Amino acid sequence: MGTSSQSFRTEIGSVVNFIGEATDEETQERHNTHYVPALTKLVQAEQTSRLVGTTETRKMLARTVPPRERLSEMVAFSMQGVEPLDVDKFDHWMKKYEKAFEAFLDRADDEVI
């Protein structure tokens, strides 16, 4: 789960770096070949964790989903030209995601024998 989260954070960050700096084609390529697979693996890891986790761990994991979804939405809207990417807001939501994910990992660590 930790590796999937780290890959997600790395790849969404790289797409954000490409937006406005690279061509639309290069940004789309980065999005499709790096970010989308990382997001897919993270969601799969989340589902697995939900299946094997305790009720409390599932609650902690659920707190990671809204910030992750907001980050993905911000990137999608920017790439579609719906809304320019606000880097400060992106950083705010990334910090919320990281904090929630760290709390989930701490809880999961407490429960692992």
PDB file of N, CA and C in Angstrom:
ATOM      1  N   MET A   1       0.819  -1.184   0.000  1.00  0.00           N
ATOM      2  CA  MET A   1       0.000   0.000   0.000  1.00  0.00           C
ATOM      3  C   MET A   1       0.869   1.256   0.000  1.00  0.00           C
ATOM      4  N   GLY A   2       1.909   1.246   0.814  1.00  0.00           N
ATOM      5  CA  GLY A   2       2.794   2.406   0.885  1.00  0.00           C
ATOM      6  C   GLY A   2       3.479   2.697  -0.438  1.00  0.00           C
ATOM      7  N   THR A   3       3.918   1.646  -1.115  1.00  0.00           N
ATOM      8  CA  THR A   3       4.579   1.809  -2.407  1.00  0.00           C
ATOM      9  C   THR A   3       3.614   2.376  -3.436  1.00  0.00           C
ATOM     10  N   SER A   4       2.388   1.900  -3.424  1.00  0.00           N
ATOM     11  CA  SER A   4       1.384   2.404  -4.370  1.00  0.00           C
ATOM     12  C   SER A   4       1.082   3.875  -4.119  1.00  0.00           C
ATOM     13  N   SER A   5       0.997   4.244  -2.858  1.00  0.00           N
ATOM     14  CA  SER A   5       0.748   5.643  -2.533  1.00  0.00           C
ATOM     15  C   SER A   5       1.911   6.524  -2.973  1.00  0.00           C
ATOM     16  N   GLN A   6       3.123   6.058  -2.729  1.00  0.00           N
ATOM     17  CA  GLN A   6       4.293   6.839  -3.132  1.00  0.00           C
ATOM     18  C   GLN A   6       4.345   7.004  -4.647  1.00  0.00           C
ATOM     19  N   SER A   7       4.049   5.949  -5.385  1.00  0.00           N
ATOM     20  CA  SER A   7       4.029   6.039  -6.850  1.00  0.00           C
ATOM     21  C   SER A   7       2.974   7.024  -7.318  1.00  0.00           C
ATOM     22  N   PHE A   8       1.796   6.984  -6.697  1.00  0.00           N
ATOM     23  CA  PHE A   8       0.725   7.926  -7.033  1.00  0.00           C
ATOM     24  C   PHE A   8       1.214   9.355  -6.834  1.00  0.00           C
ATOM     25  N   ARG A   9       1.796   9.627  -5.673  1.00  0.00           N
ATOM     26  CA  ARG A   9       2.254  10.988  -5.370  1.00  0.00           C
ATOM     27  C   ARG A   9       3.343  11.434  -6.344  1.00  0.00           C
ATOM     28  N   THR A  10       4.251  10.536  -6.659  1.00  0.00           N
ATOM     29  CA  THR A  10       5.326  10.872  -7.595  1.00  0.00           C
ATOM     30  C   THR A  10       4.765  11.169  -8.977  1.00  0.00           C
ATOM     31  N   GLU A  11       3.887  10.306  -9.456  1.00  0.00           N
ATOM     32  CA  GLU A  11       3.391  10.449 -10.831  1.00  0.00           C
ATOM     33  C   GLU A  11       2.416  11.609 -10.987  1.00  0.00           C
ATOM     34  N   ILE A  12       1.579  11.866  -9.993  1.00  0.00           N
ATOM     35  CA  ILE A  12       0.685  13.021 -10.125  1.00  0.00           C
ATOM     36  C   ILE A  12       1.513  14.304 -10.075  1.00  0.00           C
ATOM     37  N   GLY A  13       2.565  14.286  -9.250  1.00  0.00           N
ATOM     38  CA  GLY A  13       3.456  15.441  -9.199  1.00  0.00           C
ATOM     39  C   GLY A  13       4.168  15.683 -10.520  1.00  0.00           C
ATOM     40  N   SER A  14       4.564  14.610 -11.185  1.00  0.00           N
ATOM     41  CA  SER A  14       5.246  14.772 -12.471  1.00  0.00           C
ATOM     42  C   SER A  14       4.298  15.317 -13.533  1.00  0.00           C
ATOM     43  N   VAL A  15       3.042  14.882 -13.495  1.00  0.00           N
ATOM     44  CA  VAL A  15       2.064  15.428 -14.443  1.00  0.00           C
ATOM     45  C   VAL A  15       1.868  16.914 -14.180  1.00  0.00           C
ATOM     46  N   VAL A  16       1.767  17.279 -12.917  1.00  0.00           N
ATOM     47  CA  VAL A  16       1.612  18.695 -12.567  1.00  0.00           C
ATOM     48  C   VAL A  16       2.797  19.498 -13.089  1.00  0.00           C
ATOM     49  N   ASN A  17       3.998  18.949 -12.974  1.00  0.00           N
ATOM     50  CA  ASN A  17       5.182  19.638 -13.496  1.00  0.00           C
ATOM     51  C   ASN A  17       5.143  19.787 -15.010  1.00  0.00           C
ATOM     52  N   PHE A  18       4.514  18.843 -15.695  1.00  0.00           N
ATOM     53  CA  PHE A  18       4.418  18.899 -17.157  1.00  0.00           C
ATOM     54  C   PHE A  18       3.384  19.931 -17.616  1.00  0.00           C
ATOM     55  N   ILE A  19       2.325  20.115 -16.834  1.00  0.00           N
ATOM     56  CA  ILE A  19       1.254  21.038 -17.230  1.00  0.00           C
ATOM     57  C   ILE A  19       1.823  22.445 -17.373  1.00  0.00           C
ATOM     58  N   GLY A  20       1.658  23.004 -18.544  1.00  0.00           N
ATOM     59  CA  GLY A  20       2.130  24.357 -18.819  1.00  0.00           C
ATOM     60  C   GLY A  20       3.598  24.433 -19.199  1.00  0.00           C
ATOM     61  N   GLU A  21       4.358  23.375 -18.958  1.00  0.00           N
ATOM     62  CA  GLU A  21       5.788  23.377 -19.270  1.00  0.00           C
ATOM     63  C   GLU A  21       6.106  22.533 -20.495  1.00  0.00           C
ATOM     64  N   ALA A  22       5.331  21.507 -20.720  1.00  0.00           N
ATOM     65  CA  ALA A  22       5.550  20.606 -21.861  1.00  0.00           C
ATOM     66  C   ALA A  22       4.384  20.779 -22.834  1.00  0.00           C
ATOM     67  N   THR A  23       4.518  20.160 -23.989  1.00  0.00           N
ATOM     68  CA  THR A  23       3.417  20.217 -24.947  1.00  0.00           C
ATOM     69  C   THR A  23       2.235  19.423 -24.401  1.00  0.00           C
ATOM     70  N   ASP A  24       1.060  19.693 -24.938  1.00  0.00           N
ATOM     71  CA  ASP A  24      -0.123  18.941 -24.519  1.00  0.00           C
ATOM     72  C   ASP A  24       0.069  17.445 -24.761  1.00  0.00           C
ATOM     73  N   GLU A  25       0.708  17.102 -25.873  1.00  0.00           N
ATOM     74  CA  GLU A  25       0.941  15.701 -26.191  1.00  0.00           C
ATOM     75  C   GLU A  25       1.873  15.049 -25.172  1.00  0.00           C
ATOM     76  N   GLU A  26       2.922  15.756 -24.788  1.00  0.00           N
ATOM     77  CA  GLU A  26       3.860  15.217 -23.798  1.00  0.00           C
ATOM     78  C   GLU A  26       3.175  15.055 -22.433  1.00  0.00           C
ATOM     79  N   THR A  27       2.368  16.028 -22.086  1.00  0.00           N
ATOM     80  CA  THR A  27       1.646  15.960 -20.809  1.00  0.00           C
ATOM     81  C   THR A  27       0.667  14.797 -20.827  1.00  0.00           C
ATOM     82  N   GLN A  28      -0.063  14.651 -21.921  1.00  0.00           N
ATOM     83  CA  GLN A  28      -1.017  13.553 -22.048  1.00  0.00           C
ATOM     84  C   GLN A  28      -0.316  12.206 -22.004  1.00  0.00           C
ATOM     85  N   GLU A  29       0.825  12.109 -22.661  1.00  0.00           N
ATOM     86  CA  GLU A  29       1.607  10.867 -22.648  1.00  0.00           C
ATOM     87  C   GLU A  29       2.049  10.531 -21.228  1.00  0.00           C
ATOM     88  N   ARG A  30       2.550  11.517 -20.500  1.00  0.00           N
ATOM     89  CA  ARG A  30       2.982  11.302 -19.112  1.00  0.00           C
ATOM     90  C   ARG A  30       1.796  10.859 -18.271  1.00  0.00           C
ATOM     91  N   HIS A  31       0.683  11.523 -18.465  1.00  0.00           N
ATOM     92  CA  HIS A  31      -0.549  11.209 -17.723  1.00  0.00           C
ATOM     93  C   HIS A  31      -0.964   9.760 -17.975  1.00  0.00           C
ATOM     94  N   ASN A  32      -1.021   9.378 -19.238  1.00  0.00           N
ATOM     95  CA  ASN A  32      -1.536   8.060 -19.602  1.00  0.00           C
ATOM     96  C   ASN A  32      -0.582   6.911 -19.292  1.00  0.00           C
ATOM     97  N   THR A  33       0.714   7.143 -19.437  1.00  0.00           N
ATOM     98  CA  THR A  33       1.652   6.034 -19.275  1.00  0.00           C
ATOM     99  C   THR A  33       2.245   5.914 -17.872  1.00  0.00           C
ATOM    100  N   HIS A  34       2.158   6.971 -17.078  1.00  0.00           N
ATOM    101  CA  HIS A  34       2.741   6.926 -15.740  1.00  0.00           C
ATOM    102  C   HIS A  34       1.704   7.128 -14.635  1.00  0.00           C
ATOM    103  N   TYR A  35       0.949   8.222 -14.746  1.00  0.00           N
ATOM    104  CA  TYR A  35      -0.004   8.557 -13.687  1.00  0.00           C
ATOM    105  C   TYR A  35      -1.177   7.586 -13.619  1.00  0.00           C
ATOM    106  N   VAL A  36      -1.812   7.315 -14.734  1.00  0.00           N
ATOM    107  CA  VAL A  36      -2.995   6.438 -14.729  1.00  0.00           C
ATOM    108  C   VAL A  36      -2.662   5.056 -14.172  1.00  0.00           C
ATOM    109  N   PRO A  37      -1.556   4.414 -14.601  1.00  0.00           N
ATOM    110  CA  PRO A  37      -1.227   3.124 -13.987  1.00  0.00           C
ATOM    111  C   PRO A  37      -0.953   3.234 -12.480  1.00  0.00           C
ATOM    112  N   ALA A  38      -0.304   4.310 -12.045  1.00  0.00           N
ATOM    113  CA  ALA A  38      -0.030   4.480 -10.610  1.00  0.00           C
ATOM    114  C   ALA A  38      -1.332   4.644  -9.833  1.00  0.00           C
ATOM    115  N   LEU A  39      -2.261   5.422 -10.368  1.00  0.00           N
ATOM    116  CA  LEU A  39      -3.562   5.603  -9.723  1.00  0.00           C
ATOM    117  C   LEU A  39      -4.317   4.279  -9.672  1.00  0.00           C
ATOM    118  N   THR A  40      -4.286   3.540 -10.754  1.00  0.00           N
ATOM    119  CA  THR A  40      -4.973   2.247 -10.806  1.00  0.00           C
ATOM    120  C   THR A  40      -4.424   1.300  -9.743  1.00  0.00           C
ATOM    121  N   LYS A  41      -3.111   1.222  -9.627  1.00  0.00           N
ATOM    122  CA  LYS A  41      -2.499   0.348  -8.627  1.00  0.00           C
ATOM    123  C   LYS A  41      -2.849   0.800  -7.210  1.00  0.00           C
ATOM    124  N   LEU A  42      -2.908   2.102  -6.988  1.00  0.00           N
ATOM    125  CA  LEU A  42      -3.267   2.612  -5.667  1.00  0.00           C
ATOM    126  C   LEU A  42      -4.703   2.231  -5.318  1.00  0.00           C
ATOM    127  N   VAL A  43      -5.609   2.414  -6.233  1.00  0.00           N
ATOM    128  CA  VAL A  43      -7.011   2.076  -5.973  1.00  0.00           C
ATOM    129  C   VAL A  43      -7.145   0.571  -5.723  1.00  0.00           C
ATOM    130  N   GLN A  44      -6.417  -0.240  -6.478  1.00  0.00           N
ATOM    131  CA  GLN A  44      -6.438  -1.687  -6.239  1.00  0.00           C
ATOM    132  C   GLN A  44      -5.900  -2.017  -4.856  1.00  0.00           C
ATOM    133  N   ALA A  45      -4.819  -1.357  -4.443  1.00  0.00           N
ATOM    134  CA  ALA A  45      -4.250  -1.590  -3.114  1.00  0.00           C
ATOM    135  C   ALA A  45      -5.230  -1.139  -2.028  1.00  0.00           C
ATOM    136  N   GLU A  46      -5.923  -0.042  -2.264  1.00  0.00           N
ATOM    137  CA  GLU A  46      -6.937   0.423  -1.307  1.00  0.00           C
ATOM    138  C   GLU A  46      -8.044  -0.621  -1.160  1.00  0.00           C
ATOM    139  N   GLN A  47      -8.485  -1.167  -2.262  1.00  0.00           N
ATOM    140  CA  GLN A  47      -9.551  -2.168  -2.203  1.00  0.00           C
ATOM    141  C   GLN A  47      -9.094  -3.409  -1.444  1.00  0.00           C
ATOM    142  N   THR A  48      -7.882  -3.840  -1.689  1.00  0.00           N
ATOM    143  CA  THR A  48      -7.341  -4.991  -0.963  1.00  0.00           C
ATOM    144  C   THR A  48      -7.262  -4.686   0.526  1.00  0.00           C
ATOM    145  N   SER A  49      -6.782  -3.509   0.861  1.00  0.00           N
ATOM    146  CA  SER A  49      -6.681  -3.117   2.268  1.00  0.00           C
ATOM    147  C   SER A  49      -8.044  -3.068   2.935  1.00  0.00           C
ATOM    148  N   ARG A  50      -9.038  -2.628   2.208  1.00  0.00           N
ATOM    149  CA  ARG A  50     -10.397  -2.602   2.758  1.00  0.00           C
ATOM    150  C   ARG A  50     -10.891  -4.009   3.055  1.00  0.00           C
ATOM    151  N   LEU A  51     -10.526  -4.948   2.211  1.00  0.00           N
ATOM    152  CA  LEU A  51     -10.986  -6.320   2.393  1.00  0.00           C
ATOM    153  C   LEU A  51     -10.354  -7.000   3.601  1.00  0.00           C
ATOM    154  N   VAL A  52      -9.110  -6.670   3.899  1.00  0.00           N
ATOM    155  CA  VAL A  52      -8.409  -7.368   4.978  1.00  0.00           C
ATOM    156  C   VAL A  52      -8.273  -6.543   6.260  1.00  0.00           C
ATOM    157  N   GLY A  53      -8.613  -5.276   6.202  1.00  0.00           N
ATOM    158  CA  GLY A  53      -8.423  -4.409   7.361  1.00  0.00           C
ATOM    159  C   GLY A  53      -9.551  -4.511   8.372  1.00  0.00           C
ATOM    160  N   THR A  54      -9.252  -4.031   9.567  1.00  0.00           N
ATOM    161  CA  THR A  54     -10.277  -3.961  10.609  1.00  0.00           C
ATOM    162  C   THR A  54     -11.206  -2.791  10.309  1.00  0.00           C
ATOM    163  N   THR A  55     -12.264  -2.707  11.048  1.00  0.00           N
ATOM    164  CA  THR A  55     -13.210  -1.603  10.874  1.00  0.00           C
ATOM    165  C   THR A  55     -12.512  -0.262  11.064  1.00  0.00           C
ATOM    166  N   GLU A  56     -11.695  -0.160  12.094  1.00  0.00           N
ATOM    167  CA  GLU A  56     -10.998   1.098  12.367  1.00  0.00           C
ATOM    168  C   GLU A  56     -10.002   1.443  11.256  1.00  0.00           C
ATOM    169  N   THR A  57      -9.291   0.450  10.760  1.00  0.00           N
ATOM    170  CA  THR A  57      -8.342   0.693   9.668  1.00  0.00           C
ATOM    171  C   THR A  57      -9.076   1.140   8.406  1.00  0.00           C
ATOM    172  N   ARG A  58     -10.213   0.527   8.133  1.00  0.00           N
ATOM    173  CA  ARG A  58     -11.002   0.935   6.958  1.00  0.00           C
ATOM    174  C   ARG A  58     -11.464   2.380   7.093  1.00  0.00           C
ATOM    175  N   LYS A  59     -11.815   2.789   8.302  1.00  0.00           N
ATOM    176  CA  LYS A  59     -12.213   4.192   8.519  1.00  0.00           C
ATOM    177  C   LYS A  59     -11.047   5.134   8.228  1.00  0.00           C
ATOM    178  N   MET A  60      -9.869   4.750   8.697  1.00  0.00           N
ATOM    179  CA  MET A  60      -8.681   5.581   8.459  1.00  0.00           C
ATOM    180  C   MET A  60      -8.358   5.635   6.965  1.00  0.00           C
ATOM    181  N   LEU A  61      -8.481   4.511   6.290  1.00  0.00           N
ATOM    182  CA  LEU A  61      -8.236   4.474   4.852  1.00  0.00           C
ATOM    183  C   LEU A  61      -9.246   5.341   4.110  1.00  0.00           C
ATOM    184  N   ALA A  62     -10.494   5.308   4.536  1.00  0.00           N
ATOM    185  CA  ALA A  62     -11.537   6.103   3.881  1.00  0.00           C
ATOM    186  C   ALA A  62     -11.226   7.593   3.923  1.00  0.00           C
ATOM    187  N   ARG A  63     -10.498   8.024   4.928  1.00  0.00           N
ATOM    188  CA  ARG A  63     -10.141   9.446   5.037  1.00  0.00           C
ATOM    189  C   ARG A  63      -9.116   9.868   3.991  1.00  0.00           C
ATOM    190  N   THR A  64      -8.453   8.914   3.361  1.00  0.00           N
ATOM    191  CA  THR A  64      -7.478   9.260   2.321  1.00  0.00           C
ATOM    192  C   THR A  64      -8.149   9.494   0.970  1.00  0.00           C
ATOM    193  N   VAL A  65      -9.344   8.983   0.812  1.00  0.00           N
ATOM    194  CA  VAL A  65      -9.975   9.006  -0.512  1.00  0.00           C
ATOM    195  C   VAL A  65     -10.389  10.414  -0.964  1.00  0.00           C
ATOM    196  N   PRO A  66     -11.087  11.226  -0.158  1.00  0.00           N
ATOM    197  CA  PRO A  66     -11.474  12.559  -0.659  1.00  0.00           C
ATOM    198  C   PRO A  66     -10.298  13.423  -1.124  1.00  0.00           C
ATOM    199  N   PRO A  67      -9.181  13.500  -0.360  1.00  0.00           N
ATOM    200  CA  PRO A  67      -8.086  14.306  -0.899  1.00  0.00           C
ATOM    201  C   PRO A  67      -7.467  13.708  -2.160  1.00  0.00           C
ATOM    202  N   ARG A  68      -7.381  12.371  -2.232  1.00  0.00           N
ATOM    203  CA  ARG A  68      -6.845  11.747  -3.448  1.00  0.00           C
ATOM    204  C   ARG A  68      -7.737  12.061  -4.643  1.00  0.00           C
ATOM    205  N   GLU A  69      -9.036  11.956  -4.435  1.00  0.00           N
ATOM    206  CA  GLU A  69      -9.966  12.249  -5.523  1.00  0.00           C
ATOM    207  C   GLU A  69      -9.904  13.723  -5.934  1.00  0.00           C
ATOM    208  N   ARG A  70      -9.739  14.611  -4.967  1.00  0.00           N
ATOM    209  CA  ARG A  70      -9.645  16.045  -5.289  1.00  0.00           C
ATOM    210  C   ARG A  70      -8.378  16.324  -6.098  1.00  0.00           C
ATOM    211  N   LEU A  71      -7.279  15.706  -5.730  1.00  0.00           N
ATOM    212  CA  LEU A  71      -6.041  15.877  -6.496  1.00  0.00           C
ATOM    213  C   LEU A  71      -6.226  15.404  -7.932  1.00  0.00           C
ATOM    214  N   SER A  72      -6.823  14.243  -8.088  1.00  0.00           N
ATOM    215  CA  SER A  72      -7.058  13.702  -9.432  1.00  0.00           C
ATOM    216  C   SER A  72      -7.982  14.595 -10.229  1.00  0.00           C
ATOM    217  N   GLU A  73      -8.998  15.113  -9.570  1.00  0.00           N
ATOM    218  CA  GLU A  73      -9.953  16.009 -10.229  1.00  0.00           C
ATOM    219  C   GLU A  73      -9.266  17.297 -10.692  1.00  0.00           C
ATOM    220  N   MET A  74      -8.416  17.852  -9.849  1.00  0.00           N
ATOM    221  CA  MET A  74      -7.713  19.084 -10.207  1.00  0.00           C
ATOM    222  C   MET A  74      -6.851  18.881 -11.448  1.00  0.00           C
ATOM    223  N   VAL A  75      -6.138  17.765 -11.505  1.00  0.00           N
ATOM    224  CA  VAL A  75      -5.297  17.484 -12.667  1.00  0.00           C
ATOM    225  C   VAL A  75      -6.164  17.268 -13.906  1.00  0.00           C
ATOM    226  N   ALA A  76      -7.236  16.506 -13.760  1.00  0.00           N
ATOM    227  CA  ALA A  76      -8.123  16.244 -14.902  1.00  0.00           C
ATOM    228  C   ALA A  76      -8.725  17.541 -15.436  1.00  0.00           C
ATOM    229  N   PHE A  77      -9.227  18.391 -14.543  1.00  0.00           N
ATOM    230  CA  PHE A  77      -9.824  19.655 -14.969  1.00  0.00           C
ATOM    231  C   PHE A  77      -8.803  20.535 -15.684  1.00  0.00           C
ATOM    232  N   SER A  78      -7.590  20.536 -15.180  1.00  0.00           N
ATOM    233  CA  SER A  78      -6.545  21.342 -15.811  1.00  0.00           C
ATOM    234  C   SER A  78      -6.214  20.816 -17.202  1.00  0.00           C
ATOM    235  N   MET A  79      -6.080  19.512 -17.310  1.00  0.00           N
ATOM    236  CA  MET A  79      -5.732  18.927 -18.602  1.00  0.00           C
ATOM    237  C   MET A  79      -6.849  19.093 -19.630  1.00  0.00           C
ATOM    238  N   GLN A  80      -8.095  19.149 -19.155  1.00  0.00           N
ATOM    239  CA  GLN A  80      -9.236  19.316 -20.054  1.00  0.00           C
ATOM    240  C   GLN A  80      -9.519  20.784 -20.358  1.00  0.00           C
ATOM    241  N   GLY A  81      -8.778  21.680 -19.720  1.00  0.00           N
ATOM    242  CA  GLY A  81      -8.990  23.107 -19.939  1.00  0.00           C
ATOM    243  C   GLY A  81     -10.191  23.661 -19.209  1.00  0.00           C
ATOM    244  N   VAL A  82     -10.751  22.896 -18.275  1.00  0.00           N
ATOM    245  CA  VAL A  82     -11.927  23.329 -17.517  1.00  0.00           C
ATOM    246  C   VAL A  82     -11.539  24.375 -16.483  1.00  0.00           C
ATOM    247  N   GLU A  83     -10.400  24.142 -15.843  1.00  0.00           N
ATOM    248  CA  GLU A  83      -9.972  24.996 -14.738  1.00  0.00           C
ATOM    249  C   GLU A  83      -8.454  24.981 -14.676  1.00  0.00           C
ATOM    250  N   PRO A  84      -7.822  26.155 -14.641  1.00  0.00           N
ATOM    251  CA  PRO A  84      -6.359  26.143 -14.525  1.00  0.00           C
ATOM    252  C   PRO A  84      -5.928  25.530 -13.192  1.00  0.00           C
ATOM    253  N   LEU A  85      -4.782  24.893 -13.193  1.00  0.00           N
ATOM    254  CA  LEU A  85      -4.284  24.257 -11.987  1.00  0.00           C
ATOM    255  C   LEU A  85      -3.745  25.314 -11.032  1.00  0.00           C
ATOM    256  N   ASP A  86      -4.299  25.350  -9.839  1.00  0.00           N
ATOM    257  CA  ASP A  86      -3.834  26.228  -8.775  1.00  0.00           C
ATOM    258  C   ASP A  86      -2.838  25.416  -7.946  1.00  0.00           C
ATOM    259  N   VAL A  87      -1.568  25.731  -8.085  1.00  0.00           N
ATOM    260  CA  VAL A  87      -0.518  24.945  -7.443  1.00  0.00           C
ATOM    261  C   VAL A  87      -0.628  25.012  -5.921  1.00  0.00           C
ATOM    262  N   ASP A  88      -1.029  26.156  -5.392  1.00  0.00           N
ATOM    263  CA  ASP A  88      -1.184  26.269  -3.942  1.00  0.00           C
ATOM    264  C   ASP A  88      -2.292  25.353  -3.431  1.00  0.00           C
ATOM    265  N   LYS A  89      -3.402  25.312  -4.153  1.00  0.00           N
ATOM    266  CA  LYS A  89      -4.490  24.406  -3.765  1.00  0.00           C
ATOM    267  C   LYS A  89      -4.059  22.953  -3.922  1.00  0.00           C
ATOM    268  N   PHE A  90      -3.326  22.677  -4.985  1.00  0.00           N
ATOM    269  CA  PHE A  90      -2.821  21.325  -5.197  1.00  0.00           C
ATOM    270  C   PHE A  90      -1.935  20.916  -4.017  1.00  0.00           C
ATOM    271  N   ASP A  91      -1.029  21.798  -3.630  1.00  0.00           N
ATOM    272  CA  ASP A  91      -0.151  21.505  -2.487  1.00  0.00           C
ATOM    273  C   ASP A  91      -0.961  21.298  -1.211  1.00  0.00           C
ATOM    274  N   HIS A  92      -1.990  22.103  -1.010  1.00  0.00           N
ATOM    275  CA  HIS A  92      -2.859  21.959   0.159  1.00  0.00           C
ATOM    276  C   HIS A  92      -3.491  20.569   0.192  1.00  0.00           C
ATOM    277  N   TRP A  93      -4.048  20.141  -0.939  1.00  0.00           N
ATOM    278  CA  TRP A  93      -4.706  18.832  -0.990  1.00  0.00           C
ATOM    279  C   TRP A  93      -3.703  17.687  -0.899  1.00  0.00           C
ATOM    280  N   MET A  94      -2.498  17.888  -1.431  1.00  0.00           N
ATOM    281  CA  MET A  94      -1.468  16.862  -1.315  1.00  0.00           C
ATOM    282  C   MET A  94      -1.086  16.683   0.149  1.00  0.00           C
ATOM    283  N   LYS A  95      -0.953  17.779   0.873  1.00  0.00           N
ATOM    284  CA  LYS A  95      -0.623  17.675   2.294  1.00  0.00           C
ATOM    285  C   LYS A  95      -1.744  16.981   3.067  1.00  0.00           C
ATOM    286  N   LYS A  96      -2.990  17.268   2.712  1.00  0.00           N
ATOM    287  CA  LYS A  96      -4.118  16.591   3.361  1.00  0.00           C
ATOM    288  C   LYS A  96      -4.074  15.085   3.075  1.00  0.00           C
ATOM    289  N   TYR A  97      -3.776  14.742   1.819  1.00  0.00           N
ATOM    290  CA  TYR A  97      -3.684  13.330   1.457  1.00  0.00           C
ATOM    291  C   TYR A  97      -2.555  12.661   2.235  1.00  0.00           C
ATOM    292  N   GLU A  98      -1.392  13.285   2.242  1.00  0.00           N
ATOM    293  CA  GLU A  98      -0.239  12.699   2.931  1.00  0.00           C
ATOM    294  C   GLU A  98      -0.504  12.520   4.423  1.00  0.00           C
ATOM    295  N   LYS A  99      -1.140  13.498   5.044  1.00  0.00           N
ATOM    296  CA  LYS A  99      -1.462  13.409   6.468  1.00  0.00           C
ATOM    297  C   LYS A  99      -2.438  12.261   6.732  1.00  0.00           C
ATOM    298  N   ALA A 100      -3.475  12.162   5.912  1.00  0.00           N
ATOM    299  CA  ALA A 100      -4.462  11.092   6.072  1.00  0.00           C
ATOM    300  C   ALA A 100      -3.828   9.731   5.813  1.00  0.00           C
ATOM    301  N   PHE A 101      -2.970   9.655   4.809  1.00  0.00           N
ATOM    302  CA  PHE A 101      -2.332   8.380   4.500  1.00  0.00           C
ATOM    303  C   PHE A 101      -1.384   7.964   5.617  1.00  0.00           C
ATOM    304  N   GLU A 102      -0.650   8.903   6.160  1.00  0.00           N
ATOM    305  CA  GLU A 102       0.265   8.598   7.262  1.00  0.00           C
ATOM    306  C   GLU A 102      -0.516   8.103   8.478  1.00  0.00           C
ATOM    307  N   ALA A 103      -1.663   8.709   8.753  1.00  0.00           N
ATOM    308  CA  ALA A 103      -2.503   8.259   9.872  1.00  0.00           C
ATOM    309  C   ALA A 103      -3.001   6.836   9.618  1.00  0.00           C
ATOM    310  N   PHE A 104      -3.371   6.545   8.372  1.00  0.00           N
ATOM    311  CA  PHE A 104      -3.787   5.183   8.022  1.00  0.00           C
ATOM    312  C   PHE A 104      -2.653   4.199   8.266  1.00  0.00           C
ATOM    313  N   LEU A 105      -1.443   4.522   7.779  1.00  0.00           N
ATOM    314  CA  LEU A 105      -0.314   3.619   7.966  1.00  0.00           C
ATOM    315  C   LEU A 105       0.010   3.415   9.436  1.00  0.00           C
ATOM    316  N   ASP A 106      -0.056   4.483  10.215  1.00  0.00           N
ATOM    317  CA  ASP A 106       0.205   4.356  11.651  1.00  0.00           C
ATOM    318  C   ASP A 106      -0.796   3.404  12.287  1.00  0.00           C
ATOM    319  N   ARG A 107      -2.051   3.534  11.921  1.00  0.00           N
ATOM    320  CA  ARG A 107      -3.086   2.676  12.473  1.00  0.00           C
ATOM    321  C   ARG A 107      -2.872   1.229  12.025  1.00  0.00           C
ATOM    322  N   ALA A 108      -2.574   1.048  10.759  1.00  0.00           N
ATOM    323  CA  ALA A 108      -2.343  -0.299  10.244  1.00  0.00           C
ATOM    324  C   ALA A 108      -1.133  -0.932  10.928  1.00  0.00           C
ATOM    325  N   ASP A 109      -0.084  -0.160  11.136  1.00  0.00           N
ATOM    326  CA  ASP A 109       1.097  -0.674  11.832  1.00  0.00           C
ATOM    327  C   ASP A 109       0.761  -1.122  13.235  1.00  0.00           C
ATOM    328  N   ASP A 110      -0.116  -0.388  13.902  1.00  0.00           N
ATOM    329  CA  ASP A 110      -0.513  -0.756  15.271  1.00  0.00           C
ATOM    330  C   ASP A 110      -1.254  -2.075  15.312  1.00  0.00           C
ATOM    331  N   GLU A 111      -1.925  -2.410  14.214  1.00  0.00           N
ATOM    332  CA  GLU A 111      -2.758  -3.617  14.207  1.00  0.00           C
ATOM    333  C   GLU A 111      -2.054  -4.851  13.676  1.00  0.00           C
ATOM    334  N   VAL A 112      -0.927  -4.670  13.020  1.00  0.00           N
ATOM    335  CA  VAL A 112      -0.215  -5.808  12.435  1.00  0.00           C
ATOM    336  C   VAL A 112       0.554  -6.541  13.529  1.00  0.00           C
ATOM    337  N   ILE A 113       0.407  -7.825  13.506  1.00  0.00           N
ATOM    338  CA  ILE A 113       1.099  -8.642  14.508  1.00  0.00           C
ATOM    339  C   ILE A 113       2.497  -8.969  14.031  1.00  0.00           C
TER     340      ILE A 113
END
